[in-house]
Amino acid sequence: MGTQTLPSAIEIFRPGRQIDDTGIEHVFDVSSMRNMADAYDPALREAPLTVGHPASNLPAYGWVKGLSVNADGRLVMDPHQVEPQFAEMVSAGRFKKRSAAFYPPQHPSNPKPGTWYLRHVAFLGAQPPAVAGLKDIQFSESESAEGFVCFSEGGGSAHQTHTQELSMEDKERLEAEAKAAKEAQARAEQETAEVKARLAQFAEAQRAERHAGFVQFAEAQLAAGKLKKPDAAALPAVLTALADSQAVEFAEAGVTKKLNPAEWLKGFIAAAAPVVQFGEFAPGNLGGKAEAGSARGKSDAEIDAAAKAYAAQHKVQYAEAVSAVVGFTS
């Protein structure tokens, strides 16, 4: 009998609504069980097996080697270094109940802050065995004997039972409140998504309107002879890129001013001299340079036709042909 020990995978905690020994209700799911198992590190803080709770400075009759979650989603322990006499009493059914004690996530002595951490597993229901030579559990000076949470197996105090009854009576109300909160959150998220969509549509409309304005400006400058066709075609894209740039600063008459680069470029182009000057050209003078002003009274279509004919005859670019037929060199 001296080799008696405890089996592995002993259930010590289960998910669901749990009432601690002070009557406070907590809710745990299977994910909570896995977090507890993953957080447990015996090299960092090994949980003892006790009779009663360590607050009374009882000795350890064994230790929790590791934690895991079984197929039913319950937290189970693998004990080791168990005192044979204690194991015999457990095997004989002398301890009918178990109480798992945990450090809450924010407890100052929690070795893994942010998650529930097993403090000890207490066996209840009998007097502790008289085992000679066992040392009392030693805790660090900074560890408080208060603030940890115990969950006793089965039953409990009258206050605990009453709290359980109240929680059952209020179950529908609590579920309704949780459902209402979830629906309110969903509505808020939907409203946020709709606002973002409207803002995106408004921004897209603003960009389209701005681009249309740039196209109109380029066409007007082309008609005024201040831009060539390729430049007029590229100008809206250039202005769009510049419009999203940071404003530039410059000094004018001793005063510092800020101006968007796109607006500056529009002003520069509008104030510039025409690239092509349209005037009257003299008939029969397409064989060479025409006199300045010879295109007076001719339409743009007539000038265009004459320039094309000149370009074909002299094998030159269209712009050079226009300059030739109107008597202007660009």
C-alpha atoms as a PDB file:
ATOM      1  CA  MET A   1       0.000   0.000   0.000  1.00  0.00           C
ATOM      2  CA  GLY A   2       2.999   2.241   0.303  1.00  0.00           C
ATOM      3  CA  THR A   3       3.034   2.638  -3.476  1.00  0.00           C
ATOM      4  CA  GLN A   4      -0.544   3.922  -3.709  1.00  0.00           C
ATOM      5  CA  THR A   5      -0.859   7.028  -5.896  1.00  0.00           C
ATOM      6  CA  LEU A   6      -3.523   9.032  -7.685  1.00  0.00           C
ATOM      7  CA  PRO A   7      -4.614   8.445 -11.295  1.00  0.00           C
ATOM      8  CA  SER A   8      -4.046  10.949 -14.056  1.00  0.00           C
ATOM      9  CA  ALA A   9      -6.672  13.181 -15.714  1.00  0.00           C
ATOM     10  CA  ILE A  10      -8.613  13.954 -12.521  1.00  0.00           C
ATOM     11  CA  GLU A  11     -11.392  16.458 -13.241  1.00  0.00           C
ATOM     12  CA  ILE A  12     -11.033  19.601 -11.135  1.00  0.00           C
ATOM     13  CA  PHE A  13     -13.164  22.209 -12.951  1.00  0.00           C
ATOM     14  CA  ARG A  14     -15.853  22.418 -15.610  1.00  0.00           C
ATOM     15  CA  PRO A  15     -17.185  25.167 -17.916  1.00  0.00           C
ATOM     16  CA  GLY A  16     -20.501  26.912 -17.377  1.00  0.00           C
ATOM     17  CA  ARG A  17     -21.903  29.219 -14.705  1.00  0.00           C
ATOM     18  CA  GLN A  18     -19.887  28.708 -11.547  1.00  0.00           C
ATOM     19  CA  ILE A  19     -20.437  30.196  -8.096  1.00  0.00           C
ATOM     20  CA  ASP A  20     -17.320  30.721  -6.016  1.00  0.00           C
ATOM     21  CA  ASP A  21     -17.193  30.154  -2.252  1.00  0.00           C
ATOM     22  CA  THR A  22     -18.110  33.798  -1.600  1.00  0.00           C
ATOM     23  CA  GLY A  23     -21.285  33.555  -3.696  1.00  0.00           C
ATOM     24  CA  ILE A  24     -20.036  35.460  -6.735  1.00  0.00           C
ATOM     25  CA  GLU A  25     -21.062  34.104 -10.124  1.00  0.00           C
ATOM     26  CA  HIS A  26     -18.542  33.550 -12.946  1.00  0.00           C
ATOM     27  CA  VAL A  27     -19.078  32.213 -16.442  1.00  0.00           C
ATOM     28  CA  PHE A  28     -16.487  30.000 -18.140  1.00  0.00           C
ATOM     29  CA  ASP A  29     -16.522  28.269 -21.520  1.00  0.00           C
ATOM     30  CA  VAL A  30     -14.352  25.532 -23.026  1.00  0.00           C
ATOM     31  CA  SER A  31     -11.990  28.197 -24.335  1.00  0.00           C
ATOM     32  CA  SER A  32     -11.509  29.357 -20.734  1.00  0.00           C
ATOM     33  CA  MET A  33     -10.555  25.805 -19.763  1.00  0.00           C
ATOM     34  CA  ARG A  34      -7.940  25.685 -22.529  1.00  0.00           C
ATOM     35  CA  ASN A  35      -6.529  29.046 -21.473  1.00  0.00           C
ATOM     36  CA  MET A  36      -6.167  27.794 -17.894  1.00  0.00           C
ATOM     37  CA  ALA A  37      -4.430  24.628 -19.096  1.00  0.00           C
ATOM     38  CA  ASP A  38      -2.095  26.540 -21.420  1.00  0.00           C
ATOM     39  CA  ALA A  39      -1.214  29.121 -18.768  1.00  0.00           C
ATOM     40  CA  TYR A  40      -0.222  26.578 -16.115  1.00  0.00           C
ATOM     41  CA  ASP A  41       3.545  26.246 -15.755  1.00  0.00           C
ATOM     42  CA  PRO A  42       4.780  24.148 -12.794  1.00  0.00           C
ATOM     43  CA  ALA A  43       8.291  25.515 -13.274  1.00  0.00           C
ATOM     44  CA  LEU A  44       6.904  28.990 -12.637  1.00  0.00           C
ATOM     45  CA  ARG A  45       4.348  28.287  -9.900  1.00  0.00           C
ATOM     46  CA  GLU A  46       3.474  24.678  -9.045  1.00  0.00           C
ATOM     47  CA  ALA A  47       0.049  24.151  -7.510  1.00  0.00           C
ATOM     48  CA  PRO A  48      -0.113  21.861  -4.457  1.00  0.00           C
ATOM     49  CA  LEU A  49      -2.702  19.234  -3.505  1.00  0.00           C
ATOM     50  CA  THR A  50      -4.064  20.158  -0.119  1.00  0.00           C
ATOM     51  CA  VAL A  51      -6.671  19.236   2.430  1.00  0.00           C
ATOM     52  CA  GLY A  52      -8.565  22.446   2.945  1.00  0.00           C
ATOM     53  CA  HIS A  53      -7.139  25.688   1.591  1.00  0.00           C
ATOM     54  CA  PRO A  54      -3.546  26.918   1.866  1.00  0.00           C
ATOM     55  CA  ALA A  55      -4.731  30.059   3.639  1.00  0.00           C
ATOM     56  CA  SER A  56      -4.720  27.874   6.781  1.00  0.00           C
ATOM     57  CA  ASN A  57      -1.100  26.947   6.025  1.00  0.00           C
ATOM     58  CA  LEU A  58      -1.804  23.250   5.549  1.00  0.00           C
ATOM     59  CA  PRO A  59       0.950  21.090   3.996  1.00  0.00           C
ATOM     60  CA  ALA A  60       1.025  19.835   0.434  1.00  0.00           C
ATOM     61  CA  TYR A  61       0.169  16.137  -0.057  1.00  0.00           C
ATOM     62  CA  GLY A  62       1.146  16.184  -3.727  1.00  0.00           C
ATOM     63  CA  TRP A  63       1.573  18.512  -6.672  1.00  0.00           C
ATOM     64  CA  VAL A  64      -0.100  19.255  -9.984  1.00  0.00           C
ATOM     65  CA  LYS A  65       2.277  18.173 -12.727  1.00  0.00           C
ATOM     66  CA  GLY A  66       0.152  19.509 -15.583  1.00  0.00           C
ATOM     67  CA  LEU A  67      -3.301  20.550 -16.753  1.00  0.00           C
ATOM     68  CA  SER A  68      -5.270  19.654 -19.864  1.00  0.00           C
ATOM     69  CA  VAL A  69      -8.833  19.627 -21.188  1.00  0.00           C
ATOM     70  CA  ASN A  70     -10.671  16.334 -21.701  1.00  0.00           C
ATOM     71  CA  ALA A  71     -13.200  15.372 -24.371  1.00  0.00           C
ATOM     72  CA  ASP A  72     -16.030  16.815 -22.259  1.00  0.00           C
ATOM     73  CA  GLY A  73     -14.333  20.210 -22.156  1.00  0.00           C
ATOM     74  CA  ARG A  74     -13.443  19.891 -18.470  1.00  0.00           C
ATOM     75  CA  LEU A  75     -10.164  20.911 -16.851  1.00  0.00           C
ATOM     76  CA  VAL A  76      -8.216  17.883 -15.613  1.00  0.00           C
ATOM     77  CA  MET A  77      -4.964  17.535 -13.691  1.00  0.00           C
ATOM     78  CA  ASP A  78      -2.121  15.053 -13.676  1.00  0.00           C
ATOM     79  CA  PRO A  79      -0.835  14.777 -10.093  1.00  0.00           C
ATOM     80  CA  HIS A  80       2.616  13.615  -9.048  1.00  0.00           C
ATOM     81  CA  GLN A  81       4.758  13.280  -5.934  1.00  0.00           C
ATOM     82  CA  VAL A  82       1.592  12.268  -4.036  1.00  0.00           C
ATOM     83  CA  GLU A  83       1.941  11.018  -0.453  1.00  0.00           C
ATOM     84  CA  PRO A  84       0.826   7.337  -0.430  1.00  0.00           C
ATOM     85  CA  GLN A  85      -1.274   7.698   2.735  1.00  0.00           C
ATOM     86  CA  PHE A  86      -3.144  10.627   1.193  1.00  0.00           C
ATOM     87  CA  ALA A  87      -3.655   8.687  -2.047  1.00  0.00           C
ATOM     88  CA  GLU A  88      -5.086   5.763  -0.032  1.00  0.00           C
ATOM     89  CA  MET A  89      -7.616   8.048   1.661  1.00  0.00           C
ATOM     90  CA  VAL A  90      -8.682   9.530  -1.687  1.00  0.00           C
ATOM     91  CA  SER A  91      -8.969   6.036  -3.183  1.00  0.00           C
ATOM     92  CA  ALA A  92     -11.075   4.929  -0.222  1.00  0.00           C
ATOM     93  CA  GLY A  93     -13.552   7.757  -0.845  1.00  0.00           C
ATOM     94  CA  ARG A  94     -12.674   9.757   2.252  1.00  0.00           C
ATOM     95  CA  PHE A  95     -12.580  13.008   0.232  1.00  0.00           C
ATOM     96  CA  LYS A  96     -15.868  13.351  -1.586  1.00  0.00           C
ATOM     97  CA  LYS A  97     -15.359  16.877  -2.865  1.00  0.00           C
ATOM     98  CA  ARG A  98     -12.618  18.879  -4.528  1.00  0.00           C
ATOM     99  CA  SER A  99     -12.184  22.634  -4.601  1.00  0.00           C
ATOM    100  CA  ALA A 100     -10.007  24.310  -7.222  1.00  0.00           C
ATOM    101  CA  ALA A 101      -8.589  27.670  -6.225  1.00  0.00           C
ATOM    102  CA  PHE A 102      -7.412  30.157  -8.844  1.00  0.00           C
ATOM    103  CA  TYR A 103      -5.627  33.462  -9.004  1.00  0.00           C
ATOM    104  CA  PRO A 104      -7.951  35.879 -10.852  1.00  0.00           C
ATOM    105  CA  PRO A 105      -6.411  37.468 -13.967  1.00  0.00           C
ATOM    106  CA  GLN A 106      -5.529  40.721 -12.165  1.00  0.00           C
ATOM    107  CA  HIS A 107      -4.410  39.270  -8.828  1.00  0.00           C
ATOM    108  CA  PRO A 108      -1.044  40.799  -7.790  1.00  0.00           C
ATOM    109  CA  SER A 109       0.444  37.346  -7.114  1.00  0.00           C
ATOM    110  CA  ASN A 110      -0.777  35.796 -10.389  1.00  0.00           C
ATOM    111  CA  PRO A 111       2.327  34.399 -12.145  1.00  0.00           C
ATOM    112  CA  LYS A 112       0.567  34.753 -15.525  1.00  0.00           C
ATOM    113  CA  PRO A 113      -1.335  38.068 -15.338  1.00  0.00           C
ATOM    114  CA  GLY A 114      -4.295  38.336 -17.661  1.00  0.00           C
ATOM    115  CA  THR A 115      -5.603  34.778 -17.275  1.00  0.00           C
ATOM    116  CA  TRP A 116      -6.949  32.518 -14.525  1.00  0.00           C
ATOM    117  CA  TYR A 117      -4.092  30.533 -12.935  1.00  0.00           C
ATOM    118  CA  LEU A 118      -4.453  27.447 -10.725  1.00  0.00           C
ATOM    119  CA  ARG A 119      -3.334  28.151  -7.141  1.00  0.00           C
ATOM    120  CA  HIS A 120      -4.086  24.788  -5.527  1.00  0.00           C
ATOM    121  CA  VAL A 121      -6.493  21.844  -5.554  1.00  0.00           C
ATOM    122  CA  ALA A 122      -8.075  21.277  -2.153  1.00  0.00           C
ATOM    123  CA  PHE A 123      -9.616  17.934  -1.167  1.00  0.00           C
ATOM    124  CA  LEU A 124     -12.553  18.338   1.240  1.00  0.00           C
ATOM    125  CA  GLY A 125     -14.582  16.051   3.459  1.00  0.00           C
ATOM    126  CA  ALA A 126     -12.126  14.387   5.857  1.00  0.00           C
ATOM    127  CA  GLN A 127      -9.362  15.143   8.300  1.00  0.00           C
ATOM    128  CA  PRO A 128      -5.931  15.304   6.758  1.00  0.00           C
ATOM    129  CA  PRO A 129      -3.790  12.187   7.160  1.00  0.00           C
ATOM    130  CA  ALA A 130      -1.032  12.268   9.720  1.00  0.00           C
ATOM    131  CA  VAL A 131       2.036  12.130   7.521  1.00  0.00           C
ATOM    132  CA  ALA A 132       5.268  12.768   9.341  1.00  0.00           C
ATOM    133  CA  GLY A 133       7.897  15.009   7.839  1.00  0.00           C
ATOM    134  CA  LEU A 134       5.698  17.044   5.517  1.00  0.00           C
ATOM    135  CA  LYS A 135       6.758  20.674   5.214  1.00  0.00           C
ATOM    136  CA  ASP A 136       4.281  23.499   5.319  1.00  0.00           C
ATOM    137  CA  ILE A 137       3.676  25.282   2.029  1.00  0.00           C
ATOM    138  CA  GLN A 138       5.980  28.252   1.697  1.00  0.00           C
ATOM    139  CA  PHE A 139       4.701  31.335  -0.099  1.00  0.00           C
ATOM    140  CA  SER A 140       6.689  34.412  -1.059  1.00  0.00           C
ATOM    141  CA  GLU A 141       6.420  37.408   1.247  1.00  0.00           C
ATOM    142  CA  SER A 142       4.617  39.390  -1.446  1.00  0.00           C
ATOM    143  CA  GLU A 143       1.889  36.790  -1.920  1.00  0.00           C
ATOM    144  CA  SER A 144      -1.428  37.594  -0.302  1.00  0.00           C
ATOM    145  CA  ALA A 145      -3.554  34.863   1.270  1.00  0.00           C
ATOM    146  CA  GLU A 146      -6.627  36.830   0.150  1.00  0.00           C
ATOM    147  CA  GLY A 147      -8.096  37.591  -3.222  1.00  0.00           C
ATOM    148  CA  PHE A 148      -7.835  34.162  -4.846  1.00  0.00           C
ATOM    149  CA  VAL A 149     -11.066  32.455  -5.902  1.00  0.00           C
ATOM    150  CA  CYS A 150     -12.186  28.976  -4.789  1.00  0.00           C
ATOM    151  CA  PHE A 151     -14.770  26.837  -6.561  1.00  0.00           C
ATOM    152  CA  SER A 152     -15.943  23.958  -4.381  1.00  0.00           C
ATOM    153  CA  GLU A 153     -17.335  20.833  -6.026  1.00  0.00           C
ATOM    154  CA  GLY A 154     -21.090  20.454  -5.513  1.00  0.00           C
ATOM    155  CA  GLY A 155     -23.337  22.236  -3.021  1.00  0.00           C
ATOM    156  CA  GLY A 156     -22.009  25.112  -0.993  1.00  0.00           C
ATOM    157  CA  SER A 157     -23.189  27.568   1.620  1.00  0.00           C
ATOM    158  CA  ALA A 158     -26.774  28.725   1.924  1.00  0.00           C
ATOM    159  CA  HIS A 159     -25.708  32.047   0.406  1.00  0.00           C
ATOM    160  CA  GLN A 160     -24.166  30.243  -2.562  1.00  0.00           C
ATOM    161  CA  THR A 161     -27.302  28.139  -3.115  1.00  0.00           C
ATOM    162  CA  HIS A 162     -29.516  31.204  -2.941  1.00  0.00           C
ATOM    163  CA  THR A 163     -27.306  33.001  -5.456  1.00  0.00           C
ATOM    164  CA  GLN A 164     -27.553  30.009  -7.783  1.00  0.00           C
ATOM    165  CA  GLU A 165     -31.354  30.062  -7.491  1.00  0.00           C
ATOM    166  CA  LEU A 166     -31.462  33.787  -8.241  1.00  0.00           C
ATOM    167  CA  SER A 167     -29.244  33.350 -11.251  1.00  0.00           C
ATOM    168  CA  MET A 168     -31.597  30.659 -12.594  1.00  0.00           C
ATOM    169  CA  GLU A 169     -34.628  32.914 -12.063  1.00  0.00           C
ATOM    170  CA  ASP A 170     -32.852  35.787 -13.784  1.00  0.00           C
ATOM    171  CA  LYS A 171     -31.453  33.658 -16.597  1.00  0.00           C
ATOM    172  CA  GLU A 172     -34.023  34.788 -19.172  1.00  0.00           C
ATOM    173  CA  ARG A 173     -33.542  38.437 -18.194  1.00  0.00           C
ATOM    174  CA  LEU A 174     -29.764  38.166 -18.446  1.00  0.00           C
ATOM    175  CA  GLU A 175     -29.997  36.425 -21.805  1.00  0.00           C
ATOM    176  CA  ALA A 176     -32.410  39.095 -23.071  1.00  0.00           C
ATOM    177  CA  GLU A 177     -30.048  41.853 -21.931  1.00  0.00           C
ATOM    178  CA  ALA A 178     -27.116  40.131 -23.621  1.00  0.00           C
ATOM    179  CA  LYS A 179     -29.141  39.735 -26.828  1.00  0.00           C
ATOM    180  CA  ALA A 180     -30.196  43.390 -26.748  1.00  0.00           C
ATOM    181  CA  ALA A 181     -26.593  44.496 -26.233  1.00  0.00           C
ATOM    182  CA  LYS A 182     -25.450  42.324 -29.144  1.00  0.00           C
ATOM    183  CA  GLU A 183     -28.183  43.717 -31.400  1.00  0.00           C
ATOM    184  CA  ALA A 184     -27.298  47.295 -30.392  1.00  0.00           C
ATOM    185  CA  GLN A 185     -23.667  46.642 -31.242  1.00  0.00           C
ATOM    186  CA  ALA A 186     -24.671  45.190 -34.617  1.00  0.00           C
ATOM    187  CA  ARG A 187     -26.806  48.265 -35.365  1.00  0.00           C
ATOM    188  CA  ALA A 188     -23.954  50.584 -34.412  1.00  0.00           C
ATOM    189  CA  GLU A 189     -21.547  48.680 -36.657  1.00  0.00           C
ATOM    190  CA  GLN A 190     -24.070  48.813 -39.532  1.00  0.00           C
ATOM    191  CA  GLU A 191     -24.552  52.563 -39.094  1.00  0.00           C
ATOM    192  CA  THR A 192     -20.790  53.079 -39.052  1.00  0.00           C
ATOM    193  CA  ALA A 193     -20.443  51.086 -42.275  1.00  0.00           C
ATOM    194  CA  GLU A 194     -23.206  53.118 -43.934  1.00  0.00           C
ATOM    195  CA  VAL A 195     -21.601  56.420 -42.912  1.00  0.00           C
ATOM    196  CA  LYS A 196     -18.247  55.253 -44.291  1.00  0.00           C
ATOM    197  CA  ALA A 197     -19.922  54.243 -47.566  1.00  0.00           C
ATOM    198  CA  ARG A 198     -21.634  57.649 -47.911  1.00  0.00           C
ATOM    199  CA  LEU A 199     -18.365  59.442 -47.220  1.00  0.00           C
ATOM    200  CA  ALA A 200     -16.614  57.325 -49.843  1.00  0.00           C
ATOM    201  CA  GLN A 201     -19.330  58.106 -52.412  1.00  0.00           C
ATOM    202  CA  PHE A 202     -19.125  61.824 -51.628  1.00  0.00           C
ATOM    203  CA  ALA A 203     -15.329  61.787 -51.958  1.00  0.00           C
ATOM    204  CA  GLU A 204     -15.577  59.970 -55.303  1.00  0.00           C
ATOM    205  CA  ALA A 205     -18.114  62.504 -56.570  1.00  0.00           C
ATOM    206  CA  GLN A 206     -15.839  65.347 -55.482  1.00  0.00           C
ATOM    207  CA  ARG A 207     -12.897  63.785 -57.326  1.00  0.00           C
ATOM    208  CA  ALA A 208     -14.997  63.321 -60.488  1.00  0.00           C
ATOM    209  CA  GLU A 209     -16.230  66.915 -60.359  1.00  0.00           C
ATOM    210  CA  ARG A 210     -12.696  68.214 -59.837  1.00  0.00           C
ATOM    211  CA  HIS A 211     -11.390  66.139 -62.766  1.00  0.00           C
ATOM    212  CA  ALA A 212     -14.168  67.462 -65.008  1.00  0.00           C
ATOM    213  CA  GLY A 213     -13.112  70.991 -64.083  1.00  0.00           C
ATOM    214  CA  PHE A 214      -9.511  70.207 -65.014  1.00  0.00           C
ATOM    215  CA  VAL A 215     -10.628  68.788 -68.377  1.00  0.00           C
ATOM    216  CA  GLN A 216     -12.678  71.915 -69.058  1.00  0.00           C
ATOM    217  CA  PHE A 217      -9.714  74.134 -68.173  1.00  0.00           C
ATOM    218  CA  ALA A 218      -7.374  72.165 -70.478  1.00  0.00           C
ATOM    219  CA  GLU A 219      -9.818  72.402 -73.373  1.00  0.00           C
ATOM    220  CA  ALA A 220     -10.187  76.151 -72.853  1.00  0.00           C
ATOM    221  CA  GLN A 221      -6.400  76.642 -72.880  1.00  0.00           C
ATOM    222  CA  LEU A 222      -6.111  74.487 -76.002  1.00  0.00           C
ATOM    223  CA  ALA A 223      -8.708  76.639 -77.761  1.00  0.00           C
ATOM    224  CA  ALA A 224      -6.828  79.776 -76.659  1.00  0.00           C
ATOM    225  CA  GLY A 225      -3.674  78.450 -78.302  1.00  0.00           C
ATOM    226  CA  LYS A 226      -1.782  78.176 -75.012  1.00  0.00           C
ATOM    227  CA  LEU A 227      -1.486  74.378 -75.097  1.00  0.00           C
ATOM    228  CA  LYS A 228      -0.746  71.848 -77.778  1.00  0.00           C
ATOM    229  CA  LYS A 229      -3.067  68.851 -78.067  1.00  0.00           C
ATOM    230  CA  PRO A 230      -0.755  66.325 -76.338  1.00  0.00           C
ATOM    231  CA  ASP A 231      -0.192  68.718 -73.446  1.00  0.00           C
ATOM    232  CA  ALA A 232      -3.903  69.445 -73.139  1.00  0.00           C
ATOM    233  CA  ALA A 233      -4.617  65.710 -73.032  1.00  0.00           C
ATOM    234  CA  ALA A 234      -2.096  65.145 -70.239  1.00  0.00           C
ATOM    235  CA  LEU A 235      -2.913  68.244 -68.203  1.00  0.00           C
ATOM    236  CA  PRO A 236      -6.028  66.908 -66.281  1.00  0.00           C
ATOM    237  CA  ALA A 237      -4.051  63.947 -64.899  1.00  0.00           C
ATOM    238  CA  VAL A 238      -1.159  66.222 -63.908  1.00  0.00           C
ATOM    239  CA  LEU A 239      -3.505  68.665 -62.177  1.00  0.00           C
ATOM    240  CA  THR A 240      -5.225  65.793 -60.350  1.00  0.00           C
ATOM    241  CA  ALA A 241      -1.900  64.545 -58.972  1.00  0.00           C
ATOM    242  CA  LEU A 242      -0.863  68.059 -57.952  1.00  0.00           C
ATOM    243  CA  ALA A 243      -4.237  68.785 -56.323  1.00  0.00           C
ATOM    244  CA  ASP A 244      -3.575  66.068 -53.731  1.00  0.00           C
ATOM    245  CA  SER A 245      -0.129  67.490 -52.925  1.00  0.00           C
ATOM    246  CA  GLN A 246       0.731  69.655 -49.952  1.00  0.00           C
ATOM    247  CA  ALA A 247       0.354  73.399 -50.441  1.00  0.00           C
ATOM    248  CA  VAL A 248       3.547  75.265 -51.328  1.00  0.00           C
ATOM    249  CA  GLU A 249       4.703  78.481 -49.677  1.00  0.00           C
ATOM    250  CA  PHE A 250       6.208  81.437 -51.501  1.00  0.00           C
ATOM    251  CA  ALA A 251       6.899  85.083 -50.822  1.00  0.00           C
ATOM    252  CA  GLU A 252       5.129  87.796 -52.781  1.00  0.00           C
ATOM    253  CA  ALA A 253       5.685  91.468 -52.028  1.00  0.00           C
ATOM    254  CA  GLY A 254       7.166  90.523 -48.681  1.00  0.00           C
ATOM    255  CA  VAL A 255       4.137  88.402 -47.739  1.00  0.00           C
ATOM    256  CA  THR A 256       4.293  84.603 -47.390  1.00  0.00           C
ATOM    257  CA  LYS A 257       1.472  82.902 -49.237  1.00  0.00           C
ATOM    258  CA  LYS A 258       0.308  79.317 -49.553  1.00  0.00           C
ATOM    259  CA  LEU A 259      -1.039  77.892 -52.780  1.00  0.00           C
ATOM    260  CA  ASN A 260      -1.973  74.453 -54.041  1.00  0.00           C
ATOM    261  CA  PRO A 261       0.442  73.355 -56.802  1.00  0.00           C
ATOM    262  CA  ALA A 262      -2.466  72.598 -59.180  1.00  0.00           C
ATOM    263  CA  GLU A 263      -3.893  76.086 -58.798  1.00  0.00           C
ATOM    264  CA  TRP A 264      -0.472  77.624 -59.336  1.00  0.00           C
ATOM    265  CA  LEU A 265       0.020  75.676 -62.558  1.00  0.00           C
ATOM    266  CA  LYS A 266      -3.426  76.685 -63.848  1.00  0.00           C
ATOM    267  CA  GLY A 267      -2.628  80.332 -63.189  1.00  0.00           C
ATOM    268  CA  PHE A 268       0.761  80.018 -64.869  1.00  0.00           C
ATOM    269  CA  ILE A 269      -0.748  78.481 -68.012  1.00  0.00           C
ATOM    270  CA  ALA A 270      -3.621  80.962 -68.180  1.00  0.00           C
ATOM    271  CA  ALA A 271      -1.231  83.931 -67.950  1.00  0.00           C
ATOM    272  CA  ALA A 272       1.262  82.599 -70.505  1.00  0.00           C
ATOM    273  CA  ALA A 273       1.515  83.780 -74.101  1.00  0.00           C
ATOM    274  CA  PRO A 274      -0.130  81.557 -76.746  1.00  0.00           C
ATOM    275  CA  VAL A 275       1.991  78.698 -78.084  1.00  0.00           C
ATOM    276  CA  VAL A 276       0.384  79.114 -81.552  1.00  0.00           C
ATOM    277  CA  GLN A 277      -0.669  82.550 -82.954  1.00  0.00           C
ATOM    278  CA  PHE A 278      -3.485  82.423 -85.431  1.00  0.00           C
ATOM    279  CA  GLY A 279      -3.423  85.094 -88.124  1.00  0.00           C
ATOM    280  CA  GLU A 280      -4.186  85.407 -91.823  1.00  0.00           C
ATOM    281  CA  PHE A 281      -1.845  83.682 -94.285  1.00  0.00           C
ATOM    282  CA  ALA A 282      -1.371  84.841 -97.849  1.00  0.00           C
ATOM    283  CA  PRO A 283      -2.740  82.548-100.558  1.00  0.00           C
ATOM    284  CA  GLY A 284      -0.097  80.904-102.672  1.00  0.00           C
ATOM    285  CA  ASN A 285       2.592  81.398-100.032  1.00  0.00           C
ATOM    286  CA  LEU A 286       2.686  77.827 -98.720  1.00  0.00           C
ATOM    287  CA  GLY A 287       6.020  77.111-100.390  1.00  0.00           C
ATOM    288  CA  GLY A 288       7.954  78.863 -97.635  1.00  0.00           C
ATOM    289  CA  LYS A 289       7.548  80.981 -94.523  1.00  0.00           C
ATOM    290  CA  ALA A 290       4.414  83.130 -94.581  1.00  0.00           C
ATOM    291  CA  GLU A 291       4.432  86.709 -93.444  1.00  0.00           C
ATOM    292  CA  ALA A 292       3.327  87.407 -89.895  1.00  0.00           C
ATOM    293  CA  GLY A 293      -0.377  88.155 -89.681  1.00  0.00           C
ATOM    294  CA  SER A 294      -1.099  86.566 -93.049  1.00  0.00           C
ATOM    295  CA  ALA A 295      -3.694  84.219 -91.529  1.00  0.00           C
ATOM    296  CA  ARG A 296      -5.980  87.040 -90.469  1.00  0.00           C
ATOM    297  CA  GLY A 297      -9.629  86.307 -91.246  1.00  0.00           C
ATOM    298  CA  LYS A 298      -9.074  82.555 -91.778  1.00  0.00           C
ATOM    299  CA  SER A 299     -10.896  79.972 -89.678  1.00  0.00           C
ATOM    300  CA  ASP A 300      -9.126  77.387 -87.544  1.00  0.00           C
ATOM    301  CA  ALA A 301     -10.245  74.690 -89.995  1.00  0.00           C
ATOM    302  CA  GLU A 302      -8.650  76.557 -92.907  1.00  0.00           C
ATOM    303  CA  ILE A 303      -5.420  77.040 -90.978  1.00  0.00           C
ATOM    304  CA  ASP A 304      -5.428  73.374 -90.001  1.00  0.00           C
ATOM    305  CA  ALA A 305      -5.879  72.268 -93.616  1.00  0.00           C
ATOM    306  CA  ALA A 306      -3.121  74.560 -94.799  1.00  0.00           C
ATOM    307  CA  ALA A 307      -0.768  73.342 -92.070  1.00  0.00           C
ATOM    308  CA  LYS A 308      -1.390  69.714 -92.965  1.00  0.00           C
ATOM    309  CA  ALA A 309      -0.677  70.418 -96.607  1.00  0.00           C
ATOM    310  CA  TYR A 310       2.520  72.250 -95.707  1.00  0.00           C
ATOM    311  CA  ALA A 311       3.630  69.409 -93.396  1.00  0.00           C
ATOM    312  CA  ALA A 312       3.038  66.818 -96.138  1.00  0.00           C
ATOM    313  CA  GLN A 313       4.898  68.872 -98.733  1.00  0.00           C
ATOM    314  CA  HIS A 314       7.910  69.756 -96.618  1.00  0.00           C
ATOM    315  CA  LYS A 315       8.043  66.614 -94.457  1.00  0.00           C
ATOM    316  CA  VAL A 316       7.908  68.560 -91.163  1.00  0.00           C
ATOM    317  CA  GLN A 317       5.986  68.242 -87.911  1.00  0.00           C
ATOM    318  CA  TYR A 318       2.478  69.676 -87.649  1.00  0.00           C
ATOM    319  CA  ALA A 319       3.514  72.346 -85.105  1.00  0.00           C
ATOM    320  CA  GLU A 320       6.287  73.589 -87.428  1.00  0.00           C
ATOM    321  CA  ALA A 321       3.811  73.614 -90.314  1.00  0.00           C
ATOM    322  CA  VAL A 322       1.342  75.747 -88.329  1.00  0.00           C
ATOM    323  CA  SER A 323       4.103  78.188 -87.493  1.00  0.00           C
ATOM    324  CA  ALA A 324       5.051  78.356 -91.145  1.00  0.00           C
ATOM    325  CA  VAL A 325       1.559  78.962 -92.506  1.00  0.00           C
ATOM    326  CA  VAL A 326       0.775  81.665 -89.963  1.00  0.00           C
ATOM    327  CA  GLY A 327       4.213  83.255 -90.150  1.00  0.00           C
ATOM    328  CA  PHE A 328       5.127  82.398 -86.505  1.00  0.00           C
ATOM    329  CA  THR A 329       7.995  80.330 -85.202  1.00  0.00           C
ATOM    330  CA  SER A 330       7.276  78.615 -81.871  1.00  0.00           C
END
